[in-house]
Amino acid sequence: KQVTVHYEGWLDEGTKFDNTYLRGAPVTFLSGASRIIRGLEVGLEGMQVGGVRIIVVPPKLGYGQPGIKNKIPPNSYLIYRLSLISVM
């Protein structure tokens, strides 16, 4: 199914690393197609359209050992605030 979400993402120490609200557009992706980190896929399970959820993503379901250069340190826990906009 195609899923559209807005989200904000923080490192566990509080640094915000991404925010679709500030970019002015939600993201749309095919659920289950590995287009986003596994932790977000798991976090979306059971959500209803209009729902909001805070999730903590452990490194093994996020960016793991490599992290993302200059953005997400290796082995980081990530905190997301997800808003489910639509499921088609």
Protein backbone atom coordinates (compact mmCIF):
# COMPACT_ATOMS: atom_id res chain seq x y z
CA LYS A 1 0.00 0.00 0.00
CA GLN A 2 1.07 3.57 -0.63
CA VAL A 3 1.53 5.49 2.63
CA THR A 4 1.85 9.25 3.15
CA VAL A 5 3.31 10.58 6.41
CA HIS A 6 4.66 13.71 7.99
CA TYR A 7 7.44 13.24 10.51
CA GLU A 8 10.04 14.91 12.67
CA GLY A 9 13.21 13.06 13.59
CA TRP A 10 15.65 13.64 16.47
CA LEU A 11 18.79 12.00 17.70
CA ASP A 12 18.37 10.68 21.22
CA GLU A 13 20.45 13.60 22.55
CA GLY A 14 17.90 16.07 21.12
CA THR A 15 19.36 17.26 17.80
CA LYS A 16 16.67 17.43 15.12
CA PHE A 17 17.93 15.84 11.87
CA ASP A 18 14.84 15.90 9.64
CA ASN A 19 11.39 17.47 9.50
CA THR A 20 8.92 17.07 6.63
CA TYR A 21 6.78 19.88 8.06
CA LEU A 22 9.63 22.37 7.57
CA ARG A 23 10.26 21.06 4.06
CA GLY A 24 6.60 21.78 3.33
CA ALA A 25 5.66 18.34 2.04
CA PRO A 26 4.92 14.92 3.53
CA VAL A 27 6.64 11.83 2.15
CA THR A 28 4.89 9.07 0.25
CA PHE A 29 6.29 5.57 -0.13
CA LEU A 30 5.26 2.01 -0.80
CA SER A 31 4.88 0.21 2.53
CA GLY A 32 6.96 -2.94 2.83
CA ALA A 33 9.20 -2.05 -0.12
CA SER A 34 12.23 -1.11 2.03
CA ARG A 35 12.12 2.53 0.91
CA ILE A 36 12.47 3.79 4.49
CA ILE A 37 14.29 2.48 7.54
CA ARG A 38 12.79 -0.65 9.06
CA GLY A 39 12.07 1.11 12.35
CA LEU A 40 9.62 3.48 10.64
CA GLU A 41 7.89 0.57 8.91
CA VAL A 42 7.48 -1.16 12.27
CA GLY A 43 6.34 2.09 13.90
CA LEU A 44 3.58 2.57 11.32
CA GLU A 45 2.09 -0.87 11.90
CA GLY A 46 -1.42 -0.60 13.30
CA MET A 47 -1.67 3.17 12.89
CA GLN A 48 -4.89 4.68 11.60
CA VAL A 49 -5.12 7.65 9.23
CA GLY A 50 -4.99 10.81 11.32
CA GLY A 51 -3.02 9.08 14.06
CA VAL A 52 0.14 10.47 15.62
CA ARG A 53 2.80 8.32 17.26
CA ILE A 54 6.18 8.85 18.91
CA ILE A 55 8.59 5.98 18.28
CA VAL A 56 12.15 5.22 19.32
CA VAL A 57 14.13 3.40 16.65
CA PRO A 58 17.13 1.36 17.83
CA PRO A 59 20.27 1.39 15.65
CA LYS A 60 19.61 -2.07 14.20
CA LEU A 61 16.27 -0.82 12.77
CA GLY A 62 17.69 2.58 11.79
CA TYR A 63 21.03 3.45 10.20
CA GLY A 64 23.12 1.08 12.30
CA GLN A 65 26.91 1.11 12.44
CA PRO A 66 27.47 3.30 9.38
CA GLY A 67 25.07 6.09 10.37
CA ILE A 68 24.89 8.93 7.84
CA LYS A 69 27.97 11.11 7.42
CA ASN A 70 27.60 14.55 9.05
CA LYS A 71 23.97 13.84 9.97
CA ILE A 72 23.45 10.69 12.05
CA PRO A 73 26.31 9.24 14.11
CA PRO A 74 26.99 5.49 14.03
CA ASN A 75 24.76 3.35 16.27
CA SER A 76 22.31 6.16 17.02
CA TYR A 77 18.90 5.73 18.57
CA LEU A 78 16.39 7.85 16.66
CA ILE A 79 13.17 9.42 17.91
CA TYR A 80 10.37 10.12 15.45
CA ARG A 81 7.01 11.81 15.69
CA LEU A 82 4.90 10.26 12.90
CA SER A 83 1.58 11.54 11.56
CA LEU A 84 -0.20 9.15 9.21
CA ILE A 85 -1.91 11.18 6.49
CA SER A 86 -3.16 8.53 4.07
CA VAL A 87 -3.01 4.87 3.05
CA MET A 88 -4.02 3.88 -0.47
